[in-house]
Amino acid sequence: MPVKIRLQRRGKKGKPFYWVVAADSRSKRDGKFLEKLGTYNPNSNPAQITLDVDGSVKWLQNGAQPTDTAKRILSYKGALLKHHLLGGVAKGALTEDQANKKFEDWLEDKEQKVEGKKGDLAKAQEEAKAIALAAEKEVNEKRKAAAAEVEAEATAEEAEAEAPAEEAAEAAEEVAATEAEEAPAADGEEKNADA
């Protein structure tokens, strides 16, 4: 029975999630499988991958052929390296301790690279936030300046409108005062004429 290590799609439309499985090459993509070896979530950055390295190496030693994507995942998690090192142990080129030491060193180096990438991504996000905040502050300052200009123009127009209104009010007061002075005098004349 030819065995393949491949991805089996899970998740929902637009949000794929994969299981890494060992399955008969004649079975359907999402059909029966022999063993689940791990998961792969490409929706996050960096992608989240969990893998049973020892189980994957066991299937590789038994002749399972990984698909292209599964091969990249196995390489990323070190299953192919461990398979290669165990081949060297079987041929007598390495001792098992040396192979384990090389594999552990590789894992530490890989973990540092992943942490470095996460740090770079976090730094890039912070820089993007800072740039967006600066741009937003600049837009707000422009809006405040424009609002202040509009308010100053409105105040100037009100002052101009109030000046003629004040002059008209003063003129009306003067006319009223003049009429009030003339009115008592006219009443006095009428009283004198009646007498």
N, C-alpha and C. Protein backbone atom coordinates (compact mmCIF):
# COMPACT_ATOMS: atom_id res chain seq x y z
N MET A 1 0.85 -1.18 0.00
CA MET A 1 0.00 0.00 0.00
C MET A 1 0.90 1.24 0.00
N PRO A 2 0.84 2.08 -1.06
CA PRO A 2 1.65 3.30 -1.09
C PRO A 2 1.09 4.35 -0.13
N VAL A 3 1.94 4.81 0.76
CA VAL A 3 1.51 5.78 1.77
C VAL A 3 2.08 7.15 1.44
N LYS A 4 1.24 8.16 1.59
CA LYS A 4 1.65 9.55 1.38
C LYS A 4 1.47 10.33 2.67
N ILE A 5 2.38 11.24 2.92
CA ILE A 5 2.19 12.21 4.00
C ILE A 5 1.69 13.46 3.30
N ARG A 6 0.47 13.87 3.62
CA ARG A 6 -0.14 14.99 2.90
C ARG A 6 -1.02 15.82 3.81
N LEU A 7 -1.55 16.88 3.26
CA LEU A 7 -2.44 17.77 4.02
C LEU A 7 -3.88 17.39 3.77
N GLN A 8 -4.66 17.45 4.82
CA GLN A 8 -6.10 17.20 4.73
C GLN A 8 -6.81 18.47 5.18
N ARG A 9 -7.61 19.05 4.28
CA ARG A 9 -8.19 20.35 4.58
C ARG A 9 -9.30 20.27 5.61
N ARG A 10 -9.26 21.22 6.53
CA ARG A 10 -10.30 21.42 7.54
C ARG A 10 -10.66 22.89 7.53
N GLY A 11 -11.35 23.38 8.52
CA GLY A 11 -11.67 24.80 8.59
C GLY A 11 -12.89 25.13 7.76
N LYS A 12 -13.09 26.43 7.51
CA LYS A 12 -14.25 26.86 6.74
C LYS A 12 -13.81 27.62 5.50
N LYS A 13 -14.77 28.02 4.71
CA LYS A 13 -14.48 28.70 3.46
C LYS A 13 -13.74 30.00 3.75
N GLY A 14 -12.62 30.19 3.09
CA GLY A 14 -11.83 31.39 3.29
C GLY A 14 -10.88 31.34 4.48
N LYS A 15 -11.02 30.35 5.35
CA LYS A 15 -10.16 30.21 6.53
C LYS A 15 -9.66 28.77 6.59
N PRO A 16 -8.72 28.41 5.73
CA PRO A 16 -8.29 27.00 5.72
C PRO A 16 -7.48 26.64 6.96
N PHE A 17 -7.61 25.40 7.33
CA PHE A 17 -6.85 24.80 8.44
C PHE A 17 -6.57 23.38 8.00
N TYR A 18 -5.37 22.91 8.16
CA TYR A 18 -5.00 21.60 7.63
C TYR A 18 -4.50 20.67 8.72
N TRP A 19 -4.80 19.39 8.50
CA TRP A 19 -4.18 18.34 9.29
C TRP A 19 -3.08 17.74 8.42
N VAL A 20 -1.95 17.42 9.03
CA VAL A 20 -0.89 16.68 8.33
C VAL A 20 -1.12 15.21 8.68
N VAL A 21 -1.39 14.40 7.65
CA VAL A 21 -1.76 13.00 7.88
C VAL A 21 -0.93 12.06 7.02
N ALA A 22 -0.81 10.85 7.50
CA ALA A 22 -0.28 9.75 6.69
C ALA A 22 -1.48 8.99 6.18
N ALA A 23 -1.63 8.91 4.86
CA ALA A 23 -2.82 8.28 4.28
C ALA A 23 -2.44 7.44 3.07
N ASP A 24 -3.31 6.51 2.74
CA ASP A 24 -3.16 5.73 1.52
C ASP A 24 -3.28 6.70 0.35
N SER A 25 -2.38 6.59 -0.62
CA SER A 25 -2.37 7.53 -1.74
C SER A 25 -3.63 7.41 -2.60
N ARG A 26 -4.36 6.28 -2.50
CA ARG A 26 -5.57 6.09 -3.30
C ARG A 26 -6.81 6.66 -2.63
N SER A 27 -6.71 7.05 -1.36
CA SER A 27 -7.89 7.59 -0.67
C SER A 27 -8.10 9.05 -1.04
N LYS A 28 -9.31 9.53 -0.79
CA LYS A 28 -9.65 10.92 -1.12
C LYS A 28 -8.85 11.89 -0.26
N ARG A 29 -8.77 13.13 -0.73
CA ARG A 29 -7.99 14.14 -0.01
C ARG A 29 -8.46 14.27 1.44
N ASP A 30 -9.76 14.37 1.64
CA ASP A 30 -10.31 14.54 2.98
C ASP A 30 -10.91 13.24 3.51
N GLY A 31 -10.52 12.12 2.93
CA GLY A 31 -11.08 10.84 3.33
C GLY A 31 -10.32 10.18 4.46
N LYS A 32 -10.34 8.83 4.43
CA LYS A 32 -9.71 8.06 5.51
C LYS A 32 -8.20 8.29 5.51
N PHE A 33 -7.63 8.26 6.71
CA PHE A 33 -6.18 8.39 6.85
C PHE A 33 -5.72 7.37 7.87
N LEU A 34 -4.41 7.10 7.85
CA LEU A 34 -3.84 6.10 8.74
C LEU A 34 -3.46 6.70 10.09
N GLU A 35 -2.88 7.92 10.07
CA GLU A 35 -2.46 8.55 11.32
C GLU A 35 -2.39 10.06 11.13
N LYS A 36 -2.86 10.78 12.14
CA LYS A 36 -2.73 12.24 12.13
C LYS A 36 -1.38 12.58 12.75
N LEU A 37 -0.57 13.34 11.99
CA LEU A 37 0.78 13.66 12.44
C LEU A 37 0.90 15.08 12.99
N GLY A 38 -0.01 15.96 12.63
CA GLY A 38 0.08 17.33 13.12
C GLY A 38 -0.95 18.23 12.48
N THR A 39 -0.78 19.53 12.69
CA THR A 39 -1.69 20.54 12.14
C THR A 39 -0.89 21.67 11.51
N TYR A 40 -1.57 22.39 10.61
CA TYR A 40 -0.95 23.53 9.93
C TYR A 40 -2.02 24.61 9.78
N ASN A 41 -1.75 25.79 10.36
CA ASN A 41 -2.69 26.91 10.28
C ASN A 41 -2.00 28.07 9.55
N PRO A 42 -2.31 28.27 8.25
CA PRO A 42 -1.66 29.33 7.49
C PRO A 42 -2.29 30.71 7.71
N ASN A 43 -3.35 30.81 8.51
CA ASN A 43 -4.06 32.08 8.70
C ASN A 43 -3.31 33.06 9.59
N SER A 44 -2.37 32.58 10.39
CA SER A 44 -1.62 33.46 11.29
C SER A 44 -0.26 33.78 10.67
N ASN A 45 0.40 34.79 11.22
CA ASN A 45 1.72 35.15 10.73
C ASN A 45 2.68 35.21 11.91
N PRO A 46 3.69 34.36 12.02
CA PRO A 46 4.01 33.26 11.14
C PRO A 46 3.02 32.11 11.30
N ALA A 47 2.96 31.24 10.31
CA ALA A 47 2.01 30.12 10.32
C ALA A 47 2.27 29.23 11.54
N GLN A 48 1.18 28.72 12.11
CA GLN A 48 1.29 27.85 13.28
C GLN A 48 1.34 26.40 12.80
N ILE A 49 2.40 25.71 13.19
CA ILE A 49 2.58 24.31 12.78
C ILE A 49 2.89 23.49 14.01
N THR A 50 2.11 22.43 14.19
CA THR A 50 2.45 21.44 15.21
C THR A 50 2.67 20.12 14.48
N LEU A 51 3.69 19.39 14.89
CA LEU A 51 4.02 18.15 14.18
C LEU A 51 4.63 17.15 15.14
N ASP A 52 4.19 15.91 15.03
CA ASP A 52 4.80 14.81 15.76
C ASP A 52 6.02 14.37 14.94
N VAL A 53 7.18 14.88 15.32
CA VAL A 53 8.40 14.63 14.53
C VAL A 53 8.75 13.15 14.52
N ASP A 54 8.66 12.51 15.67
CA ASP A 54 9.02 11.09 15.74
C ASP A 54 8.07 10.23 14.90
N GLY A 55 6.78 10.54 14.96
CA GLY A 55 5.81 9.79 14.14
C GLY A 55 6.06 10.00 12.66
N SER A 56 6.40 11.24 12.29
CA SER A 56 6.69 11.54 10.88
C SER A 56 7.93 10.79 10.42
N VAL A 57 8.97 10.76 11.26
CA VAL A 57 10.20 10.06 10.91
C VAL A 57 9.92 8.56 10.76
N LYS A 58 9.07 8.01 11.63
CA LYS A 58 8.72 6.59 11.54
C LYS A 58 8.07 6.29 10.18
N TRP A 59 7.15 7.15 9.74
CA TRP A 59 6.49 6.94 8.45
C TRP A 59 7.48 7.12 7.30
N LEU A 60 8.39 8.09 7.42
CA LEU A 60 9.40 8.28 6.37
C LEU A 60 10.32 7.07 6.26
N GLN A 61 10.68 6.49 7.40
CA GLN A 61 11.54 5.30 7.38
C GLN A 61 10.81 4.10 6.79
N ASN A 62 9.49 4.09 6.91
CA ASN A 62 8.72 2.99 6.34
C ASN A 62 8.38 3.22 4.87
N GLY A 63 8.85 4.32 4.30
CA GLY A 63 8.69 4.52 2.86
C GLY A 63 7.60 5.48 2.45
N ALA A 64 7.01 6.21 3.38
CA ALA A 64 5.97 7.17 3.02
C ALA A 64 6.59 8.32 2.24
N GLN A 65 5.90 8.78 1.21
CA GLN A 65 6.38 9.88 0.39
C GLN A 65 5.58 11.14 0.70
N PRO A 66 6.23 12.22 1.12
CA PRO A 66 5.49 13.45 1.39
C PRO A 66 5.18 14.21 0.10
N THR A 67 4.04 14.90 0.10
CA THR A 67 3.73 15.80 -1.01
C THR A 67 4.64 17.02 -0.89
N ASP A 68 4.60 17.91 -1.89
CA ASP A 68 5.51 19.06 -1.88
C ASP A 68 5.29 19.94 -0.65
N THR A 69 4.04 20.29 -0.37
CA THR A 69 3.76 21.16 0.78
C THR A 69 4.08 20.45 2.08
N ALA A 70 3.72 19.18 2.17
CA ALA A 70 4.03 18.41 3.37
C ALA A 70 5.54 18.28 3.56
N LYS A 71 6.28 18.19 2.46
CA LYS A 71 7.74 18.10 2.54
C LYS A 71 8.32 19.39 3.12
N ARG A 72 7.77 20.55 2.71
CA ARG A 72 8.23 21.82 3.25
C ARG A 72 7.94 21.92 4.75
N ILE A 73 6.76 21.43 5.15
CA ILE A 73 6.39 21.46 6.57
C ILE A 73 7.30 20.54 7.37
N LEU A 74 7.55 19.34 6.84
CA LEU A 74 8.44 18.40 7.53
C LEU A 74 9.85 18.97 7.63
N SER A 75 10.30 19.65 6.60
CA SER A 75 11.62 20.26 6.62
C SER A 75 11.67 21.41 7.63
N TYR A 76 10.61 22.21 7.68
CA TYR A 76 10.54 23.35 8.60
C TYR A 76 10.60 22.90 10.05
N LYS A 77 9.95 21.78 10.37
CA LYS A 77 9.94 21.28 11.74
C LYS A 77 11.09 20.32 12.05
N GLY A 78 11.90 19.96 11.04
CA GLY A 78 13.10 19.15 11.28
C GLY A 78 12.91 17.66 11.14
N ALA A 79 11.76 17.21 10.67
CA ALA A 79 11.54 15.76 10.53
C ALA A 79 12.46 15.17 9.45
N LEU A 80 12.64 15.91 8.35
CA LEU A 80 13.51 15.40 7.29
C LEU A 80 14.97 15.35 7.75
N LEU A 81 15.40 16.35 8.53
CA LEU A 81 16.76 16.35 9.07
C LEU A 81 16.96 15.16 10.00
N LYS A 82 15.99 14.92 10.87
CA LYS A 82 16.11 13.80 11.80
C LYS A 82 16.14 12.47 11.04
N HIS A 83 15.34 12.37 9.99
CA HIS A 83 15.34 11.16 9.15
C HIS A 83 16.71 10.97 8.51
N HIS A 84 17.29 12.07 8.04
CA HIS A 84 18.62 12.02 7.42
C HIS A 84 19.68 11.61 8.45
N LEU A 85 19.61 12.20 9.65
CA LEU A 85 20.58 11.86 10.70
C LEU A 85 20.45 10.41 11.13
N LEU A 86 19.21 9.90 11.23
CA LEU A 86 19.02 8.50 11.62
C LEU A 86 19.52 7.56 10.52
N GLY A 87 19.47 8.02 9.26
CA GLY A 87 20.07 7.23 8.17
C GLY A 87 21.57 7.14 8.34
N GLY A 88 22.20 8.24 8.78
CA GLY A 88 23.64 8.23 9.06
C GLY A 88 23.98 7.32 10.22
N VAL A 89 23.10 7.30 11.24
CA VAL A 89 23.33 6.40 12.38
C VAL A 89 23.24 4.94 11.93
N ALA A 90 22.27 4.63 11.05
CA ALA A 90 22.10 3.25 10.57
C ALA A 90 23.31 2.80 9.75
N LYS A 91 23.92 3.76 9.03
CA LYS A 91 25.09 3.41 8.22
C LYS A 91 26.38 3.41 9.04
N GLY A 92 26.33 3.90 10.27
CA GLY A 92 27.51 3.91 11.14
C GLY A 92 28.35 5.16 10.99
N ALA A 93 27.86 6.19 10.27
CA ALA A 93 28.64 7.42 10.10
C ALA A 93 28.57 8.29 11.35
N LEU A 94 27.49 8.16 12.12
CA LEU A 94 27.29 8.95 13.35
C LEU A 94 26.86 8.02 14.47
N THR A 95 27.11 8.47 15.67
CA THR A 95 26.51 7.77 16.81
C THR A 95 25.16 8.42 17.09
N GLU A 96 24.34 7.75 17.85
CA GLU A 96 23.02 8.28 18.14
C GLU A 96 23.11 9.57 18.96
N ASP A 97 24.08 9.65 19.85
CA ASP A 97 24.28 10.87 20.65
C ASP A 97 24.66 12.06 19.78
N GLN A 98 25.57 11.81 18.82
CA GLN A 98 25.95 12.88 17.91
C GLN A 98 24.75 13.36 17.08
N ALA A 99 23.96 12.42 16.61
CA ALA A 99 22.78 12.77 15.80
C ALA A 99 21.79 13.59 16.64
N ASN A 100 21.56 13.16 17.89
CA ASN A 100 20.64 13.91 18.76
C ASN A 100 21.19 15.30 19.06
N LYS A 101 22.51 15.40 19.26
CA LYS A 101 23.13 16.70 19.53
C LYS A 101 22.95 17.65 18.34
N LYS A 102 23.20 17.15 17.14
CA LYS A 102 23.03 17.97 15.93
C LYS A 102 21.58 18.42 15.78
N PHE A 103 20.66 17.50 16.05
CA PHE A 103 19.24 17.83 15.91
C PHE A 103 18.83 18.88 16.94
N GLU A 104 19.31 18.74 18.19
CA GLU A 104 18.97 19.72 19.24
C GLU A 104 19.55 21.10 18.90
N ASP A 105 20.80 21.13 18.40
CA ASP A 105 21.40 22.40 18.00
C ASP A 105 20.58 23.06 16.89
N TRP A 106 20.17 22.24 15.92
CA TRP A 106 19.36 22.77 14.82
C TRP A 106 18.04 23.33 15.34
N LEU A 107 17.40 22.62 16.28
CA LEU A 107 16.13 23.09 16.85
C LEU A 107 16.30 24.42 17.57
N GLU A 108 17.37 24.58 18.34
CA GLU A 108 17.63 25.83 19.04
C GLU A 108 17.83 26.98 18.06
N ASP A 109 18.61 26.72 17.02
CA ASP A 109 18.86 27.74 16.00
C ASP A 109 17.56 28.13 15.30
N LYS A 110 16.74 27.14 14.98
CA LYS A 110 15.46 27.39 14.31
C LYS A 110 14.54 28.20 15.21
N GLU A 111 14.51 27.88 16.50
CA GLU A 111 13.66 28.60 17.45
C GLU A 111 14.10 30.06 17.55
N GLN A 112 15.40 30.32 17.54
CA GLN A 112 15.89 31.70 17.58
C GLN A 112 15.48 32.46 16.32
N LYS A 113 15.54 31.80 15.17
CA LYS A 113 15.12 32.45 13.93
C LYS A 113 13.63 32.79 13.97
N VAL A 114 12.82 31.87 14.47
CA VAL A 114 11.37 32.11 14.55
C VAL A 114 11.07 33.26 15.51
N GLU A 115 11.75 33.27 16.66
CA GLU A 115 11.55 34.36 17.62
C GLU A 115 12.00 35.70 17.03
N GLY A 116 13.10 35.67 16.28
CA GLY A 116 13.56 36.89 15.61
C GLY A 116 12.53 37.40 14.61
N LYS A 117 11.93 36.48 13.87
CA LYS A 117 10.90 36.88 12.89
C LYS A 117 9.69 37.45 13.61
N LYS A 118 9.29 36.83 14.72
CA LYS A 118 8.15 37.35 15.48
C LYS A 118 8.46 38.74 16.01
N GLY A 119 9.69 38.93 16.49
CA GLY A 119 10.10 40.24 16.98
C GLY A 119 10.09 41.29 15.87
N ASP A 120 10.58 40.90 14.68
CA ASP A 120 10.56 41.83 13.54
C ASP A 120 9.14 42.19 13.15
N LEU A 121 8.25 41.20 13.16
CA LEU A 121 6.85 41.46 12.82
C LEU A 121 6.21 42.39 13.84
N ALA A 122 6.50 42.17 15.11
CA ALA A 122 5.94 43.03 16.16
C ALA A 122 6.48 44.45 16.02
N LYS A 123 7.79 44.57 15.72
CA LYS A 123 8.39 45.89 15.53
C LYS A 123 7.77 46.59 14.33
N ALA A 124 7.55 45.85 13.24
CA ALA A 124 6.95 46.44 12.05
C ALA A 124 5.52 46.91 12.34
N GLN A 125 4.78 46.14 13.14
CA GLN A 125 3.42 46.55 13.50
C GLN A 125 3.45 47.81 14.35
N GLU A 126 4.39 47.90 15.29
CA GLU A 126 4.50 49.10 16.13
C GLU A 126 4.87 50.32 15.28
N GLU A 127 5.79 50.14 14.33
CA GLU A 127 6.17 51.25 13.46
C GLU A 127 4.98 51.69 12.61
N ALA A 128 4.22 50.73 12.10
CA ALA A 128 3.05 51.06 11.29
C ALA A 128 2.02 51.83 12.13
N LYS A 129 1.84 51.41 13.39
CA LYS A 129 0.92 52.12 14.28
C LYS A 129 1.40 53.53 14.54
N ALA A 130 2.72 53.69 14.75
CA ALA A 130 3.28 55.02 15.02
C ALA A 130 3.11 55.94 13.81
N ILE A 131 3.33 55.41 12.62
CA ILE A 131 3.17 56.20 11.39
C ILE A 131 1.71 56.59 11.22
N ALA A 132 0.81 55.64 11.45
CA ALA A 132 -0.62 55.93 11.32
C ALA A 132 -1.05 56.97 12.35
N LEU A 133 -0.53 56.88 13.56
CA LEU A 133 -0.87 57.85 14.61
C LEU A 133 -0.36 59.24 14.24
N ALA A 134 0.86 59.31 13.72
CA ALA A 134 1.42 60.61 13.31
C ALA A 134 0.60 61.22 12.18
N ALA A 135 0.20 60.39 11.22
CA ALA A 135 -0.62 60.88 10.11
C ALA A 135 -1.98 61.36 10.61
N GLU A 136 -2.55 60.62 11.55
CA GLU A 136 -3.84 61.01 12.12
C GLU A 136 -3.72 62.33 12.90
N LYS A 137 -2.63 62.50 13.65
CA LYS A 137 -2.42 63.75 14.38
C LYS A 137 -2.28 64.92 13.41
N GLU A 138 -1.56 64.70 12.31
CA GLU A 138 -1.39 65.75 11.32
C GLU A 138 -2.73 66.16 10.71
N VAL A 139 -3.56 65.15 10.40
CA VAL A 139 -4.89 65.43 9.85
C VAL A 139 -5.73 66.20 10.87
N ASN A 140 -5.65 65.80 12.14
CA ASN A 140 -6.41 66.50 13.18
C ASN A 140 -5.94 67.94 13.34
N GLU A 141 -4.63 68.17 13.26
CA GLU A 141 -4.12 69.54 13.36
C GLU A 141 -4.63 70.38 12.19
N LYS A 142 -4.64 69.80 10.99
CA LYS A 142 -5.16 70.52 9.83
C LYS A 142 -6.64 70.85 10.01
N ARG A 143 -7.38 69.90 10.54
CA ARG A 143 -8.81 70.12 10.79
C ARG A 143 -9.01 71.24 11.82
N LYS A 144 -8.21 71.22 12.89
CA LYS A 144 -8.31 72.27 13.92
C LYS A 144 -7.98 73.63 13.33
N ALA A 145 -6.92 73.69 12.50
CA ALA A 145 -6.54 74.96 11.88
C ALA A 145 -7.65 75.46 10.96
N ALA A 146 -8.23 74.57 10.17
CA ALA A 146 -9.32 74.94 9.27
C ALA A 146 -10.53 75.41 10.07
N ALA A 147 -10.84 74.74 11.16
CA ALA A 147 -11.96 75.13 12.01
C ALA A 147 -11.70 76.49 12.65
N ALA A 148 -10.47 76.74 13.06
CA ALA A 148 -10.13 78.03 13.66
C ALA A 148 -10.26 79.15 12.63
N GLU A 149 -9.84 78.88 11.38
CA GLU A 149 -9.99 79.87 10.31
C GLU A 149 -11.46 80.17 10.06
N VAL A 150 -12.26 79.13 9.97
CA VAL A 150 -13.70 79.33 9.73
C VAL A 150 -14.32 80.11 10.88
N GLU A 151 -13.92 79.78 12.10
CA GLU A 151 -14.46 80.48 13.27
C GLU A 151 -14.02 81.94 13.28
N ALA A 152 -12.76 82.21 12.90
CA ALA A 152 -12.28 83.59 12.84
C ALA A 152 -13.03 84.38 11.78
N GLU A 153 -13.26 83.76 10.63
CA GLU A 153 -14.02 84.43 9.56
C GLU A 153 -15.45 84.71 10.03
N ALA A 154 -16.06 83.74 10.71
CA ALA A 154 -17.43 83.93 11.20
C ALA A 154 -17.47 85.04 12.24
N THR A 155 -16.47 85.11 13.11
CA THR A 155 -16.41 86.17 14.12
C THR A 155 -16.25 87.53 13.45
N ALA A 156 -15.39 87.60 12.43
CA ALA A 156 -15.18 88.86 11.70
C ALA A 156 -16.47 89.29 11.01
N GLU A 157 -17.17 88.33 10.39
CA GLU A 157 -18.44 88.65 9.72
C GLU A 157 -19.47 89.12 10.73
N GLU A 158 -19.51 88.50 11.90
CA GLU A 158 -20.46 88.91 12.95
C GLU A 158 -20.13 90.32 13.42
N ALA A 159 -18.84 90.60 13.56
CA ALA A 159 -18.43 91.94 14.01
C ALA A 159 -18.83 92.98 12.96
N GLU A 160 -18.62 92.63 11.69
CA GLU A 160 -19.02 93.55 10.62
C GLU A 160 -20.53 93.72 10.60
N ALA A 161 -21.27 92.64 10.82
CA ALA A 161 -22.73 92.72 10.82
C ALA A 161 -23.22 93.47 12.05
N GLU A 162 -22.53 93.34 13.17
CA GLU A 162 -22.94 94.01 14.40
C GLU A 162 -22.67 95.51 14.34
N ALA A 163 -21.59 95.93 13.67
CA ALA A 163 -21.25 97.35 13.59
C ALA A 163 -22.39 98.15 12.95
N PRO A 164 -22.90 97.78 11.77
CA PRO A 164 -24.05 98.52 11.22
C PRO A 164 -25.29 98.37 12.09
N ALA A 165 -25.45 97.22 12.71
CA ALA A 165 -26.61 97.05 13.58
C ALA A 165 -26.50 97.96 14.78
N GLU A 166 -25.27 98.10 15.33
CA GLU A 166 -25.07 98.99 16.47
C GLU A 166 -25.32 100.45 16.05
N GLU A 167 -24.81 100.80 14.86
CA GLU A 167 -25.03 102.16 14.36
C GLU A 167 -26.52 102.41 14.17
N ALA A 168 -27.23 101.43 13.62
CA ALA A 168 -28.67 101.57 13.41
C ALA A 168 -29.39 101.67 14.75
N ALA A 169 -28.93 100.91 15.74
CA ALA A 169 -29.56 100.95 17.06
C ALA A 169 -29.31 102.32 17.70
N GLU A 170 -28.08 102.83 17.55
CA GLU A 170 -27.78 104.15 18.10
C GLU A 170 -28.62 105.22 17.42
N ALA A 171 -28.75 105.12 16.10
CA ALA A 171 -29.57 106.09 15.35
C ALA A 171 -31.01 106.01 15.80
N ALA A 172 -31.50 104.79 16.01
CA ALA A 172 -32.89 104.61 16.45
C ALA A 172 -33.07 105.21 17.83
N GLU A 173 -32.08 105.04 18.71
CA GLU A 173 -32.16 105.62 20.05
C GLU A 173 -32.18 107.15 19.98
N GLU A 174 -31.33 107.70 19.10
CA GLU A 174 -31.30 109.15 18.95
C GLU A 174 -32.64 109.67 18.44
N VAL A 175 -33.20 108.96 17.47
CA VAL A 175 -34.51 109.37 16.93
C VAL A 175 -35.56 109.27 18.02
N ALA A 176 -35.53 108.22 18.79
CA ALA A 176 -36.51 108.05 19.87
C ALA A 176 -36.34 109.14 20.91
N ALA A 177 -35.10 109.47 21.24
CA ALA A 177 -34.84 110.53 22.23
C ALA A 177 -35.32 111.87 21.70
N THR A 178 -35.07 112.14 20.46
CA THR A 178 -35.51 113.40 19.85
C THR A 178 -37.02 113.49 19.84
N GLU A 179 -37.66 112.39 19.49
CA GLU A 179 -39.12 112.37 19.47
C GLU A 179 -39.67 112.54 20.87
N ALA A 180 -39.00 111.93 21.85
CA ALA A 180 -39.46 112.05 23.22
C ALA A 180 -39.33 113.49 23.69
N GLU A 181 -38.29 114.20 23.30
CA GLU A 181 -38.13 115.59 23.69
C GLU A 181 -39.18 116.47 23.00
N GLU A 182 -39.46 116.19 21.76
CA GLU A 182 -40.44 116.98 21.02
C GLU A 182 -41.84 116.70 21.51
N ALA A 183 -42.12 115.47 21.92
CA ALA A 183 -43.47 115.10 22.33
C ALA A 183 -43.91 115.88 23.56
N PRO A 184 -43.14 116.04 24.64
CA PRO A 184 -43.62 116.84 25.76
C PRO A 184 -43.78 118.30 25.37
N ALA A 185 -42.91 118.79 24.54
CA ALA A 185 -43.07 120.19 24.12
C ALA A 185 -44.35 120.36 23.32
N ALA A 186 -44.66 119.43 22.48
CA ALA A 186 -45.88 119.52 21.68
C ALA A 186 -47.08 119.42 22.60
N ASP A 187 -47.05 118.62 23.64
CA ASP A 187 -48.16 118.50 24.59
C ASP A 187 -48.34 119.84 25.32
N GLY A 188 -47.25 120.47 25.66
CA GLY A 188 -47.31 121.75 26.34
C GLY A 188 -47.93 122.82 25.44
N GLU A 189 -47.61 122.82 24.18
CA GLU A 189 -48.19 123.75 23.23
C GLU A 189 -49.69 123.54 23.10
N GLU A 190 -50.12 122.29 23.07
CA GLU A 190 -51.54 121.99 22.95
C GLU A 190 -52.28 122.46 24.19
N LYS A 191 -51.69 122.30 25.35
CA LYS A 191 -52.33 122.77 26.60
C LYS A 191 -52.44 124.28 26.60
N ASN A 192 -51.39 124.95 26.13
CA ASN A 192 -51.45 126.40 26.07
C ASN A 192 -52.51 126.87 25.06
N ALA A 193 -52.64 126.14 23.96
CA ALA A 193 -53.62 126.53 22.97
C ALA A 193 -55.03 126.32 23.53
N ASP A 194 -55.28 125.35 24.34
CA ASP A 194 -56.60 125.07 24.90
C ASP A 194 -56.94 126.09 25.97
N ALA A 195 -56.02 126.54 26.62
CA ALA A 195 -56.28 127.46 27.72
C ALA A 195 -56.68 128.77 27.17
